[in-house]
N, C-alpha and C. Protein backbone atom coordinates (compact mmCIF):
# COMPACT_ATOMS: atom_id res chain seq x y z
N MET A 1 -120.90 -62.07 -39.76
CA MET A 1 -120.17 -62.52 -37.81
C MET A 1 -119.34 -60.89 -37.57
N ILE A 2 -119.88 -60.38 -36.46
CA ILE A 2 -119.18 -59.44 -35.89
C ILE A 2 -118.55 -60.02 -35.00
N VAL A 3 -116.83 -59.15 -35.11
CA VAL A 3 -115.97 -59.58 -33.92
C VAL A 3 -115.72 -58.08 -33.76
N LYS A 4 -115.70 -58.43 -32.14
CA LYS A 4 -115.60 -57.73 -30.97
C LYS A 4 -114.16 -56.97 -30.79
N ASP A 5 -113.71 -56.01 -30.57
CA ASP A 5 -112.27 -55.52 -29.81
C ASP A 5 -112.09 -56.05 -28.72
N SER A 6 -111.23 -56.79 -28.56
CA SER A 6 -111.11 -57.37 -27.17
C SER A 6 -110.47 -56.23 -25.99
N TYR A 7 -110.09 -55.06 -26.72
CA TYR A 7 -108.98 -54.16 -25.82
C TYR A 7 -110.01 -52.69 -25.82
N PRO A 8 -109.98 -52.05 -24.89
CA PRO A 8 -110.71 -50.78 -24.58
C PRO A 8 -110.15 -49.73 -25.58
N PHE A 9 -111.42 -49.04 -25.93
CA PHE A 9 -111.06 -47.82 -26.85
C PHE A 9 -110.07 -46.85 -26.53
N TRP A 10 -109.82 -46.96 -25.23
CA TRP A 10 -109.04 -45.25 -24.93
C TRP A 10 -107.44 -46.06 -24.96
N THR A 11 -107.04 -47.65 -25.39
CA THR A 11 -105.67 -48.00 -25.61
C THR A 11 -105.48 -47.99 -26.95
N ARG A 12 -106.60 -47.71 -27.38
CA ARG A 12 -106.16 -47.38 -29.00
C ARG A 12 -105.97 -45.96 -29.33
N TYR A 13 -106.57 -44.93 -28.96
CA TYR A 13 -105.89 -43.81 -28.97
C TYR A 13 -104.67 -43.50 -28.14
N LEU A 14 -103.95 -43.91 -27.64
CA LEU A 14 -103.02 -43.98 -26.81
C LEU A 14 -101.89 -44.71 -27.42
N ALA A 15 -102.22 -45.60 -28.16
CA ALA A 15 -101.02 -46.20 -28.96
C ALA A 15 -100.91 -45.34 -30.13
N LEU A 16 -101.89 -44.53 -31.17
CA LEU A 16 -102.09 -43.90 -32.02
C LEU A 16 -100.85 -42.66 -31.91
N GLY A 17 -101.53 -42.29 -30.00
CA GLY A 17 -100.64 -40.93 -29.90
C GLY A 17 -99.04 -41.17 -29.85
N VAL A 18 -98.40 -42.58 -29.33
CA VAL A 18 -96.99 -42.47 -29.45
C VAL A 18 -96.77 -42.86 -30.82
N ILE A 19 -97.42 -43.50 -31.81
CA ILE A 19 -96.79 -43.59 -33.01
C ILE A 19 -96.76 -42.14 -33.77
N GLY A 20 -97.73 -41.48 -34.00
CA GLY A 20 -97.26 -40.22 -34.22
C GLY A 20 -96.23 -39.27 -33.66
N LEU A 21 -96.24 -39.38 -32.44
CA LEU A 21 -94.95 -38.93 -31.79
C LEU A 21 -93.23 -39.22 -32.16
N GLY A 22 -93.66 -40.53 -32.60
CA GLY A 22 -92.40 -40.87 -33.17
C GLY A 22 -92.09 -40.88 -34.52
N LEU A 23 -93.59 -40.57 -35.29
CA LEU A 23 -92.85 -40.12 -36.88
C LEU A 23 -92.46 -38.47 -36.88
N ILE A 24 -92.99 -37.71 -35.85
CA ILE A 24 -92.65 -36.39 -35.63
C ILE A 24 -91.15 -36.14 -35.12
N GLY A 25 -90.42 -36.96 -34.51
CA GLY A 25 -89.14 -36.94 -34.01
C GLY A 25 -88.24 -37.55 -35.07
N CYS A 26 -88.59 -38.58 -35.85
CA CYS A 26 -87.82 -39.00 -37.11
C CYS A 26 -87.70 -38.24 -38.07
N GLY A 27 -88.73 -36.98 -38.08
CA GLY A 27 -88.54 -35.73 -39.41
C GLY A 27 -88.23 -34.52 -38.81
N ARG A 28 -87.48 -34.90 -37.49
CA ARG A 28 -86.95 -33.30 -37.20
C ARG A 28 -85.49 -32.95 -37.22
N THR A 29 -84.95 -32.31 -37.38
CA THR A 29 -83.25 -31.99 -37.73
C THR A 29 -83.29 -31.47 -36.17
N PRO A 30 -81.64 -32.14 -35.66
CA PRO A 30 -81.96 -32.04 -34.21
C PRO A 30 -81.04 -30.55 -33.89
N ASP A 31 -81.50 -30.06 -32.89
CA ASP A 31 -80.73 -28.68 -32.84
C ASP A 31 -79.12 -29.03 -32.33
N ALA A 32 -78.47 -27.74 -33.00
CA ALA A 32 -76.92 -27.77 -32.21
C ALA A 32 -76.72 -27.25 -30.89
N ALA A 33 -75.50 -27.59 -30.57
CA ALA A 33 -75.06 -27.83 -29.41
C ALA A 33 -74.97 -25.93 -28.98
N PRO A 34 -75.53 -25.36 -28.06
CA PRO A 34 -75.34 -23.86 -27.91
C PRO A 34 -73.64 -23.89 -27.86
N THR A 35 -73.35 -22.72 -28.28
CA THR A 35 -72.04 -22.22 -28.37
C THR A 35 -71.84 -20.69 -27.67
N ARG A 36 -70.50 -21.22 -26.89
CA ARG A 36 -70.41 -19.73 -26.03
C ARG A 36 -69.70 -18.50 -26.73
N ALA A 37 -70.35 -17.20 -26.37
CA ALA A 37 -69.72 -16.48 -27.17
C ALA A 37 -68.22 -15.98 -26.75
N LEU A 38 -67.30 -15.72 -27.35
CA LEU A 38 -66.40 -15.47 -27.02
C LEU A 38 -66.10 -13.38 -26.79
N PRO A 39 -65.39 -13.08 -26.21
CA PRO A 39 -64.78 -11.53 -26.07
C PRO A 39 -64.11 -11.17 -27.11
N PRO A 40 -64.20 -9.85 -27.81
CA PRO A 40 -63.62 -9.36 -28.87
C PRO A 40 -61.92 -9.28 -28.34
N PRO A 41 -61.32 -9.72 -29.38
CA PRO A 41 -59.70 -9.57 -28.88
C PRO A 41 -59.42 -8.54 -28.45
N GLN A 42 -58.59 -7.85 -27.47
CA GLN A 42 -58.00 -6.67 -27.34
C GLN A 42 -56.86 -6.89 -27.89
N SER A 43 -56.25 -5.13 -28.01
CA SER A 43 -54.82 -5.13 -28.71
C SER A 43 -54.34 -4.66 -27.38
N ILE A 44 -53.00 -5.62 -27.28
CA ILE A 44 -52.03 -5.65 -26.21
C ILE A 44 -50.56 -4.81 -27.23
N THR A 45 -50.13 -3.45 -26.31
CA THR A 45 -49.29 -2.95 -27.05
C THR A 45 -47.74 -3.29 -25.56
N PRO A 46 -46.81 -3.95 -26.25
CA PRO A 46 -45.68 -3.97 -25.34
C PRO A 46 -45.02 -2.59 -24.90
N THR A 47 -44.62 -3.29 -23.25
CA THR A 47 -44.09 -2.21 -22.93
C THR A 47 -42.45 -2.04 -22.63
N LEU A 48 -41.67 -1.56 -23.50
CA LEU A 48 -40.52 -1.57 -23.70
C LEU A 48 -39.19 -0.96 -22.60
N PRO A 49 -38.28 -1.97 -21.78
CA PRO A 49 -37.73 -1.14 -20.82
C PRO A 49 -37.26 0.24 -20.99
N ALA A 50 -37.03 0.82 -20.00
CA ALA A 50 -36.80 2.21 -20.02
C ALA A 50 -35.17 2.43 -20.48
N THR A 51 -34.67 3.14 -21.82
CA THR A 51 -33.40 3.14 -21.54
C THR A 51 -32.62 4.13 -21.00
N ALA A 52 -31.41 4.13 -20.58
CA ALA A 52 -30.24 4.79 -19.67
C ALA A 52 -30.11 5.58 -20.56
N THR A 53 -29.99 6.99 -20.47
CA THR A 53 -29.69 8.34 -21.13
C THR A 53 -28.25 8.68 -20.68
N ALA A 54 -27.56 8.73 -21.09
CA ALA A 54 -26.07 9.20 -20.91
C ALA A 54 -26.46 10.52 -20.49
N THR A 55 -25.39 11.07 -19.24
CA THR A 55 -25.42 12.14 -18.58
C THR A 55 -23.85 12.91 -18.59
N ALA A 56 -24.03 13.82 -19.47
CA ALA A 56 -22.65 14.41 -19.45
C ALA A 56 -22.22 15.40 -18.19
N THR A 57 -21.12 14.57 -17.80
CA THR A 57 -20.50 14.98 -16.69
C THR A 57 -19.81 16.51 -16.61
N ALA A 58 -20.00 17.59 -15.67
CA ALA A 58 -19.71 18.65 -15.79
C ALA A 58 -18.37 18.88 -15.73
N GLN A 59 -17.68 19.24 -16.20
CA GLN A 59 -16.40 19.70 -15.94
C GLN A 59 -15.97 20.44 -14.98
N PRO A 60 -14.82 20.51 -14.02
CA PRO A 60 -14.50 21.28 -13.01
C PRO A 60 -13.82 22.43 -13.38
N THR A 61 -14.90 24.08 -12.86
CA THR A 61 -14.51 24.98 -13.30
C THR A 61 -13.10 25.42 -12.40
N GLU A 62 -13.09 24.86 -11.59
CA GLU A 62 -12.11 25.45 -10.50
C GLU A 62 -10.43 24.46 -10.15
N THR A 63 -9.46 24.78 -9.90
CA THR A 63 -8.22 23.94 -9.89
C THR A 63 -8.59 23.60 -8.41
N PRO A 64 -8.70 22.46 -7.84
CA PRO A 64 -8.70 21.50 -6.63
C PRO A 64 -7.45 22.05 -5.84
N PRO A 65 -7.67 22.32 -4.32
CA PRO A 65 -6.64 22.96 -4.11
C PRO A 65 -5.43 21.94 -3.76
N ASP A 66 -4.35 22.36 -3.47
CA ASP A 66 -3.18 20.96 -3.06
C ASP A 66 -3.45 20.25 -1.66
N PRO A 67 -3.25 19.14 -1.44
CA PRO A 67 -3.28 18.31 -0.61
C PRO A 67 -2.62 19.16 0.89
N THR A 68 -3.10 18.87 1.77
CA THR A 68 -2.41 19.00 2.96
C THR A 68 -2.34 18.14 3.82
N ALA A 69 -0.95 18.29 4.74
CA ALA A 69 -0.54 17.26 5.65
C ALA A 69 -1.00 16.39 6.36
N THR A 70 -1.14 15.23 6.72
CA THR A 70 -2.41 14.89 7.29
C THR A 70 -1.29 14.31 8.57
N ALA A 71 -1.81 14.21 10.01
CA ALA A 71 -1.02 14.11 11.35
C ALA A 71 -0.76 12.53 10.72
N VAL A 72 0.38 11.74 11.22
CA VAL A 72 0.82 10.22 11.24
C VAL A 72 -0.48 10.04 12.74
N THR A 73 -1.01 8.57 12.20
CA THR A 73 -2.23 7.91 13.11
C THR A 73 -1.23 6.68 13.50
N PRO A 74 -1.18 6.46 14.78
CA PRO A 74 0.02 5.40 15.51
C PRO A 74 -0.92 4.04 15.02
N VAL A 75 -0.53 2.96 14.97
CA VAL A 75 -1.44 1.72 14.40
C VAL A 75 -1.28 0.99 15.57
N GLU A 76 0.02 1.43 16.30
CA GLU A 76 -0.10 0.35 17.76
C GLU A 76 0.15 1.44 19.12
N GLY A 77 -0.16 1.11 19.59
CA GLY A 77 -0.29 2.13 21.05
C GLY A 77 1.17 2.36 21.52
N ASN A 78 2.06 2.24 21.06
CA ASN A 78 3.06 2.55 21.45
C ASN A 78 4.18 3.14 20.14
N ALA A 79 3.29 3.44 19.31
CA ALA A 79 4.17 4.11 17.78
C ALA A 79 4.31 5.36 18.11
N LEU A 80 3.25 6.14 18.82
CA LEU A 80 3.77 7.54 18.79
C LEU A 80 5.01 7.74 19.95
N ASN A 81 5.05 7.02 20.82
CA ASN A 81 6.07 7.22 21.65
C ASN A 81 7.25 6.49 20.67
N LEU A 82 7.36 5.64 19.56
CA LEU A 82 8.45 5.40 19.38
C LEU A 82 8.76 6.45 18.07
N ILE A 83 7.82 7.18 17.80
CA ILE A 83 7.93 8.26 16.52
C ILE A 83 8.88 9.55 17.61
N GLN A 84 8.37 10.02 18.54
CA GLN A 84 8.97 10.70 19.38
C GLN A 84 9.93 10.74 20.28
N SER A 85 10.79 9.30 20.40
CA SER A 85 11.98 8.91 20.88
C SER A 85 13.01 8.88 19.98
N PHE A 86 12.80 8.62 18.71
CA PHE A 86 13.75 8.94 17.64
C PHE A 86 13.77 10.50 17.54
N LEU A 87 12.79 11.38 17.27
CA LEU A 87 12.90 12.88 17.34
C LEU A 87 13.71 13.28 18.53
N ASP A 88 13.65 12.98 19.56
CA ASP A 88 14.18 13.37 20.37
C ASP A 88 15.88 12.50 21.23
N ALA A 89 16.13 11.36 20.39
CA ALA A 89 17.53 10.95 20.24
C ALA A 89 18.66 11.20 19.59
N PRO A 90 19.29 11.89 20.84
CA PRO A 90 20.81 12.58 20.50
C PRO A 90 21.73 11.93 19.54
N PHE A 91 21.49 10.74 18.91
CA PHE A 91 22.10 10.55 17.80
C PHE A 91 21.79 10.24 16.83
N ARG A 92 22.92 10.54 16.00
CA ARG A 92 21.75 10.44 14.07
C ARG A 92 22.57 9.47 13.21
N VAL A 93 22.15 8.83 12.38
CA VAL A 93 23.15 7.86 11.87
C VAL A 93 23.58 8.39 10.14
N VAL A 94 24.77 8.15 9.91
CA VAL A 94 25.23 8.99 9.24
C VAL A 94 26.07 7.98 8.02
N ALA A 95 26.17 7.00 8.41
CA ALA A 95 26.77 5.70 7.06
C ALA A 95 26.76 4.25 7.73
N VAL A 96 26.35 3.48 7.01
CA VAL A 96 25.78 2.26 7.24
C VAL A 96 26.71 1.16 5.98
N ALA A 97 27.28 0.27 6.39
CA ALA A 97 27.98 -0.30 5.55
C ALA A 97 28.10 -1.99 5.80
N LYS A 98 27.47 -2.60 4.89
CA LYS A 98 27.48 -4.11 5.03
C LYS A 98 29.03 -5.07 4.84
N SER A 99 29.25 -5.88 5.63
CA SER A 99 30.40 -6.85 5.36
C SER A 99 30.25 -7.55 4.36
N SER A 100 30.90 -8.03 3.22
CA SER A 100 30.83 -9.23 2.52
C SER A 100 31.76 -10.07 2.73
N HIS A 101 32.36 -10.19 4.05
CA HIS A 101 33.12 -10.97 4.45
C HIS A 101 32.58 -11.91 5.93
N ALA A 102 31.50 -11.01 6.75
CA ALA A 102 31.01 -11.65 7.76
C ALA A 102 29.53 -11.32 7.96
N PRO A 103 28.50 -12.34 8.79
CA PRO A 103 27.34 -11.59 8.60
C PRO A 103 27.17 -10.23 9.67
N TYR A 104 27.75 -9.31 9.06
CA TYR A 104 27.63 -7.93 10.13
C TYR A 104 27.63 -6.53 9.19
N SER A 105 26.80 -5.34 10.20
CA SER A 105 27.44 -4.36 9.24
C SER A 105 27.72 -3.36 10.36
N LEU A 106 28.79 -2.28 9.48
CA LEU A 106 29.01 -0.99 10.29
C LEU A 106 28.45 0.04 10.33
N ILE A 107 27.84 0.08 11.29
CA ILE A 107 27.02 1.79 11.27
C ILE A 107 27.72 3.12 12.29
N ILE A 108 28.09 4.03 11.33
CA ILE A 108 28.57 5.09 12.15
C ILE A 108 27.25 6.28 12.62
N THR A 109 27.69 6.54 14.10
CA THR A 109 26.61 7.47 14.23
C THR A 109 27.38 8.79 14.83
N THR A 110 26.47 9.80 14.90
CA THR A 110 27.38 11.12 15.29
C THR A 110 26.05 11.77 16.30
N GLU A 111 26.33 13.14 16.63
CA GLU A 111 25.62 13.79 17.92
C GLU A 111 24.45 14.49 17.09
N ARG A 112 23.66 14.27 16.72
CA ARG A 112 22.76 15.11 16.44
C ARG A 112 22.76 16.67 16.77
N ALA A 113 22.36 17.33 15.84
CA ALA A 113 22.88 18.98 16.08
C ALA A 113 21.56 19.40 17.34
N ALA A 114 21.93 20.54 17.85
CA ALA A 114 21.21 20.99 19.05
C ALA A 114 19.60 21.31 17.96
N ALA A 115 18.60 21.08 18.53
CA ALA A 115 17.22 21.84 17.74
C ALA A 115 16.82 23.21 18.14
N GLU A 116 17.55 23.85 19.22
CA GLU A 116 17.55 25.16 19.13
C GLU A 116 18.22 26.24 18.36
N CYS A 117 19.05 25.43 17.36
CA CYS A 117 19.91 26.19 16.49
C CYS A 117 19.22 26.54 15.32
N GLY A 118 18.30 25.96 15.04
CA GLY A 118 17.20 26.50 13.88
C GLY A 118 16.21 26.79 14.31
N SER A 119 15.61 27.29 13.35
CA SER A 119 14.09 27.89 13.53
C SER A 119 13.55 28.03 12.25
N PRO A 120 11.64 28.12 11.76
CA PRO A 120 11.52 27.84 10.60
C PRO A 120 11.87 29.19 9.65
N GLU A 121 12.12 30.40 10.45
CA GLU A 121 12.56 31.42 9.83
C GLU A 121 14.00 31.56 9.41
N SER A 122 14.62 30.87 9.93
CA SER A 122 15.83 29.98 9.43
C SER A 122 16.25 28.91 9.75
N PRO A 123 16.41 28.27 8.94
CA PRO A 123 16.57 26.68 9.35
C PRO A 123 18.20 26.05 9.13
N GLN A 124 18.85 27.08 9.49
CA GLN A 124 20.28 26.21 9.35
C GLN A 124 20.24 25.59 10.64
N ARG A 125 21.35 24.35 10.35
CA ARG A 125 21.75 23.56 11.54
C ARG A 125 22.73 24.38 12.12
N CYS A 126 23.11 24.22 13.76
CA CYS A 126 24.26 24.71 14.50
C CYS A 126 25.43 23.77 13.94
N THR A 127 25.29 22.54 13.27
CA THR A 127 26.66 22.09 12.87
C THR A 127 26.27 20.87 12.01
N ALA A 128 26.88 20.92 10.78
CA ALA A 128 26.70 19.97 9.78
C ALA A 128 26.60 18.16 10.22
N ASP A 129 25.35 17.85 10.56
CA ASP A 129 25.22 16.32 11.57
C ASP A 129 25.14 15.50 10.48
N ASP A 130 25.48 15.51 9.53
CA ASP A 130 25.26 14.19 8.57
C ASP A 130 26.57 13.92 8.12
N THR A 131 27.48 14.31 8.69
CA THR A 131 28.74 13.47 8.84
C THR A 131 29.39 14.20 10.50
N CYS A 132 30.63 13.56 10.29
CA CYS A 132 31.44 13.70 11.70
C CYS A 132 32.81 13.71 11.14
N GLY A 133 33.87 14.05 12.67
CA GLY A 133 34.87 14.21 12.74
C GLY A 133 35.55 15.72 12.19
N SER A 134 35.49 16.85 12.00
CA SER A 134 36.27 17.71 11.86
C SER A 134 35.77 18.78 12.37
N LEU A 135 36.24 20.27 12.57
CA LEU A 135 36.03 21.22 12.71
C LEU A 135 34.87 21.94 12.15
N TYR A 136 34.35 21.43 11.02
CA TYR A 136 33.09 22.19 10.65
C TYR A 136 31.68 21.23 10.85
N THR A 137 31.82 20.12 11.36
CA THR A 137 30.82 18.94 11.69
C THR A 137 30.99 18.69 12.67
N SER A 138 29.91 17.82 13.01
CA SER A 138 29.69 17.03 14.20
C SER A 138 31.19 16.26 14.93
N PRO A 139 31.72 16.81 15.60
CA PRO A 139 33.08 16.61 16.02
C PRO A 139 33.68 14.93 16.10
N THR A 140 32.74 14.36 16.95
CA THR A 140 33.07 12.86 16.59
C THR A 140 32.05 11.81 16.31
N CYS A 141 32.57 10.59 15.51
CA CYS A 141 32.05 9.76 15.21
C CYS A 141 32.52 8.36 15.85
N TYR A 142 30.94 7.62 16.25
CA TYR A 142 31.06 6.42 16.97
C TYR A 142 30.71 5.30 15.89
N PHE A 143 31.42 4.00 16.32
CA PHE A 143 31.48 3.10 15.46
C PHE A 143 30.73 1.99 15.72
N PHE A 144 29.80 1.46 15.37
CA PHE A 144 29.44 0.00 16.01
C PHE A 144 29.24 -1.21 15.05
N VAL A 145 29.11 -2.73 15.63
CA VAL A 145 28.91 -3.16 14.75
C VAL A 145 27.31 -4.00 14.82
N GLU A 146 26.54 -4.00 13.98
CA GLU A 146 25.30 -5.03 14.08
C GLU A 146 24.95 -5.85 13.34
N PRO A 147 24.95 -6.78 13.76
CA PRO A 147 24.06 -8.49 13.38
C PRO A 147 23.56 -8.51 12.39
N SER A 148 23.60 -9.32 11.31
CA SER A 148 22.68 -9.62 10.03
C SER A 148 21.73 -10.68 10.45
N PHE A 149 20.48 -10.69 9.80
CA PHE A 149 19.63 -12.00 10.42
C PHE A 149 20.28 -13.20 9.60
N ASP A 150 21.02 -14.06 10.26
CA ASP A 150 21.93 -15.09 10.13
C ASP A 150 22.19 -16.00 10.99
N ALA A 151 22.31 -17.51 10.83
CA ALA A 151 22.18 -18.44 12.00
C ALA A 151 23.87 -18.36 12.31
N THR A 152 24.47 -17.36 11.91
CA THR A 152 26.17 -17.61 12.48
C THR A 152 26.56 -16.65 12.69
N ALA A 153 25.47 -15.33 12.80
CA ALA A 153 25.98 -14.03 13.10
C ALA A 153 25.64 -14.02 14.88
N ASP A 154 26.65 -12.77 15.18
CA ASP A 154 26.55 -12.78 16.86
C ASP A 154 25.43 -11.78 16.89
N PRO A 155 24.41 -12.37 18.18
CA PRO A 155 23.22 -11.59 17.69
C PRO A 155 23.29 -10.09 18.55
N GLN A 156 24.69 -9.53 19.31
CA GLN A 156 24.56 -8.59 19.97
C GLN A 156 25.39 -7.59 19.27
N THR A 157 24.48 -6.56 19.26
CA THR A 157 24.69 -4.83 18.79
C THR A 157 26.34 -4.69 19.78
N ARG A 158 27.42 -4.32 19.16
CA ARG A 158 28.32 -3.85 20.40
C ARG A 158 28.76 -2.30 19.45
N TYR A 159 29.34 -1.88 20.55
CA TYR A 159 30.22 -0.69 20.18
C TYR A 159 31.74 -0.72 19.84
N VAL A 160 32.07 -0.57 18.92
CA VAL A 160 33.52 -0.68 18.54
C VAL A 160 34.57 0.61 19.14
N ALA A 161 34.52 1.50 18.27
CA ALA A 161 35.34 2.99 18.78
C ALA A 161 34.83 4.17 18.46
N ARG A 162 35.56 5.38 18.74
CA ARG A 162 35.43 6.19 18.75
C ARG A 162 36.32 7.38 17.63
N TRP A 163 35.96 8.25 16.79
CA TRP A 163 37.15 8.94 16.30
C TRP A 163 37.00 10.15 15.56
N PRO A 164 37.49 11.18 15.71
CA PRO A 164 39.09 11.15 15.87
C PRO A 164 39.10 11.58 17.45
N ASP A 165 40.23 11.63 18.23
CA ASP A 165 40.24 11.93 19.95
C ASP A 165 40.19 13.73 19.84
N GLU A 166 40.55 14.49 18.50
CA GLU A 166 40.36 15.65 18.81
C GLU A 166 39.58 16.13 16.92
N PRO A 167 38.49 16.51 16.94
CA PRO A 167 38.49 17.08 15.38
C PRO A 167 39.86 17.72 14.88
N THR A 168 39.38 17.62 13.53
CA THR A 168 40.78 18.37 12.66
C THR A 168 40.04 18.78 11.31
N LEU A 169 40.41 19.06 10.26
CA LEU A 169 39.96 19.99 9.06
C LEU A 169 39.40 18.47 8.61
N ALA A 170 39.77 17.31 8.64
CA ALA A 170 39.19 16.37 7.88
C ALA A 170 37.92 15.62 8.36
N GLY A 171 37.19 15.57 7.78
CA GLY A 171 35.98 14.58 8.09
C GLY A 171 35.40 13.48 7.52
N LEU A 172 34.98 12.69 8.03
CA LEU A 172 34.36 11.17 7.60
C LEU A 172 33.96 11.93 6.11
N THR A 173 34.15 10.84 5.03
CA THR A 173 33.43 11.03 4.03
C THR A 173 32.82 9.01 3.70
N PRO A 174 31.45 9.32 4.12
CA PRO A 174 30.44 8.50 4.44
C PRO A 174 30.58 6.99 3.04
N ASP A 175 30.52 7.84 1.98
CA ASP A 175 30.30 6.91 0.93
C ASP A 175 31.77 6.14 0.69
N SER A 176 33.00 6.08 1.76
CA SER A 176 34.47 5.69 1.29
C SER A 176 34.26 4.78 1.94
N ILE A 177 33.78 3.87 2.99
CA ILE A 177 33.59 2.84 3.71
C ILE A 177 33.71 1.62 3.17
N GLN A 178 34.91 0.88 3.01
CA GLN A 178 34.98 -0.80 2.50
C GLN A 178 35.47 -1.57 3.66
N PHE A 179 35.23 -2.88 3.46
CA PHE A 179 36.12 -3.62 4.21
C PHE A 179 36.68 -4.37 3.53
N ILE A 180 37.97 -4.43 4.60
CA ILE A 180 39.37 -5.09 3.39
C ILE A 180 39.52 -6.29 3.78
N ASP A 181 39.02 -6.82 4.96
CA ASP A 181 38.69 -8.23 5.48
C ASP A 181 37.46 -8.35 6.59
N ALA A 182 37.41 -9.56 7.10
CA ALA A 182 36.33 -9.64 8.18
C ALA A 182 36.57 -8.80 9.28
N ARG A 183 37.89 -8.33 9.47
CA ARG A 183 37.73 -7.45 10.68
C ARG A 183 38.42 -6.07 10.61
N THR A 184 39.14 -5.70 9.32
CA THR A 184 39.33 -4.70 9.01
C THR A 184 38.30 -3.36 8.06
N VAL A 185 37.99 -2.16 8.51
CA VAL A 185 37.46 -1.59 7.88
C VAL A 185 38.36 -0.47 7.63
N GLU A 186 38.43 0.05 6.04
CA GLU A 186 39.12 1.23 5.69
C GLU A 186 38.14 2.22 5.43
N PHE A 187 38.15 3.68 5.98
CA PHE A 187 37.35 5.07 5.40
C PHE A 187 38.03 5.90 5.07
N GLN A 188 37.93 7.01 4.37
CA GLN A 188 38.54 8.06 4.23
C GLN A 188 37.91 9.47 4.84
N ALA A 189 38.81 10.69 5.02
CA ALA A 189 38.56 11.84 5.38
C ALA A 189 39.06 13.02 5.22
N ALA A 190 38.14 13.76 4.75
CA ALA A 190 38.80 15.00 3.68
C ALA A 190 38.02 16.01 4.25
N GLY A 191 38.70 17.06 4.21
CA GLY A 191 38.33 18.71 4.40
C GLY A 191 39.25 19.94 4.14
N GLY A 192 39.25 20.71 4.23
CA GLY A 192 39.90 22.23 3.84
C GLY A 192 39.33 23.54 4.45
N ASP A 193 40.23 24.38 4.06
CA ASP A 193 39.71 25.52 5.07
C ASP A 193 40.55 26.60 3.87
N GLY A 194 40.04 27.38 2.97
CA GLY A 194 40.41 28.50 2.37
C GLY A 194 40.96 27.77 1.27
N ALA A 195 42.68 28.02 0.76
CA ALA A 195 43.53 27.16 0.27
C ALA A 195 43.98 26.36 0.15
N TYR A 196 43.80 25.79 1.31
CA TYR A 196 44.57 24.73 2.28
C TYR A 196 43.37 22.99 2.01
N SER A 197 43.76 22.05 1.98
CA SER A 197 42.89 20.77 2.03
C SER A 197 43.97 19.70 1.91
N VAL A 198 42.98 18.52 3.14
CA VAL A 198 43.59 17.60 3.23
C VAL A 198 43.07 16.10 3.12
N GLN A 199 43.49 15.19 2.81
CA GLN A 199 42.42 13.80 2.47
C GLN A 199 43.72 12.74 3.64
N GLU A 200 42.66 12.13 4.07
CA GLU A 200 43.55 11.06 4.80
C GLU A 200 42.97 9.74 4.50
N VAL A 201 43.39 8.45 4.59
CA VAL A 201 42.73 7.19 4.58
C VAL A 201 43.30 6.42 6.10
N TRP A 202 41.98 5.93 6.56
CA TRP A 202 42.39 5.54 7.75
C TRP A 202 41.65 4.15 8.04
N TRP A 203 42.41 2.85 8.62
CA TRP A 203 41.93 1.61 8.89
C TRP A 203 41.62 1.49 10.58
N LEU A 204 40.53 0.84 10.58
CA LEU A 204 39.57 0.09 11.82
C LEU A 204 39.29 -1.19 12.03
N ASP A 205 40.23 -1.17 13.16
CA ASP A 205 40.24 -3.24 13.64
C ASP A 205 38.80 -3.40 14.11
N LEU A 206 37.86 -3.85 13.76
CA LEU A 206 36.45 -4.50 14.69
C LEU A 206 36.83 -4.95 15.60
N VAL A 207 37.96 -6.02 15.85
CA VAL A 207 37.91 -6.63 17.26
C VAL A 207 38.73 -5.84 17.74
N THR A 208 39.36 -4.76 17.79
CA THR A 208 40.17 -4.61 18.82
C THR A 208 39.93 -2.73 19.20
N GLY A 209 39.26 -2.56 18.20
CA GLY A 209 38.85 -0.96 18.05
C GLY A 209 39.78 0.08 18.08
N ALA A 210 40.88 -0.19 17.28
CA ALA A 210 41.98 0.07 17.08
C ALA A 210 42.02 1.09 15.63
N LEU A 211 42.47 2.62 15.54
CA LEU A 211 42.59 3.22 14.01
C LEU A 211 43.91 3.60 14.31
N ALA A 212 44.32 3.22 12.74
CA ALA A 212 45.61 3.68 12.07
C ALA A 212 45.22 4.28 11.05
N MET A 213 46.05 5.54 11.00
CA MET A 213 46.05 6.38 9.49
C MET A 213 46.94 5.76 8.43
N GLN A 214 46.44 5.16 7.63
CA GLN A 214 47.37 4.69 6.05
C GLN A 214 48.16 5.79 5.41
N SER A 215 47.45 7.05 5.38
CA SER A 215 47.93 7.91 4.41
C SER A 215 47.38 9.25 4.62
N ARG A 216 48.30 10.10 4.39
CA ARG A 216 47.71 11.92 4.80
C ARG A 216 48.55 12.66 3.36
N VAL A 217 47.51 13.35 2.70
CA VAL A 217 47.99 14.25 1.55
C VAL A 217 47.55 15.65 1.89
N GLU A 218 48.13 16.80 1.84
CA GLU A 218 47.86 18.04 2.04
C GLU A 218 47.99 18.25 0.64
N GLN A 219 46.66 19.91 0.56
CA GLN A 219 47.97 20.81 -0.92
C GLN A 219 47.34 21.92 -0.19
N VAL A 220 47.90 23.13 -0.74
CA VAL A 220 48.24 24.46 -0.48
C VAL A 220 48.11 24.85 -1.66
N GLY A 221 47.30 25.75 -1.75
CA GLY A 221 47.04 26.63 -3.11
C GLY A 221 46.78 25.93 -4.33
N GLY A 222 46.34 24.81 -4.58
CA GLY A 222 46.00 23.59 -5.57
C GLY A 222 47.22 22.72 -5.72
N ALA A 223 48.71 23.18 -5.16
CA ALA A 223 49.65 22.44 -5.26
C ALA A 223 49.60 21.09 -4.20
N PRO A 224 50.06 20.07 -4.45
CA PRO A 224 50.21 18.84 -3.59
C PRO A 224 51.47 18.76 -2.79
């Protein structure tokens, strides 16, 4: 008995092809995944920071010139006037003594030597105006009381007295001033001419302005 296929012939060929492709795929090794070629490594040379090179300082070959005096620059609008008024003042302070008994000081001034008496070529003063009272100095001493910075001080500066009435050989000794009490000041006067010399001690009453000589010592030829 002959059995006839119920499938067309071309279906058999198609099935055989599919089976063949499967057999081929099972026996083949899969390809490896493609790899990307890396560039060859480059050598990097580190850049170091530049180092400071010490430069020797050249030594001066010449001696610098002496500094020259410069003009005073006023810090305020009236500073120049203040300076000039001091230079033009007719009086000069020769002594200042602070009282230890009351809040004030004694200031002694004298007339400033005339400016025309000196010159750059011959700068001698007309008179010795760094003290007063004698024939060889500025002739008259002027006494003033100047208050200290104190709550109990009299705020006014006041004139006390002038000394002497007529100049003699004995001029004020500026560093001899001392306060005996709150109102009495003692000072000395000294001078001389040739072999003759004299020393005096005076008291000044700051309240009344009275002056009184306490002692006088004369010497001739070195003997008292």
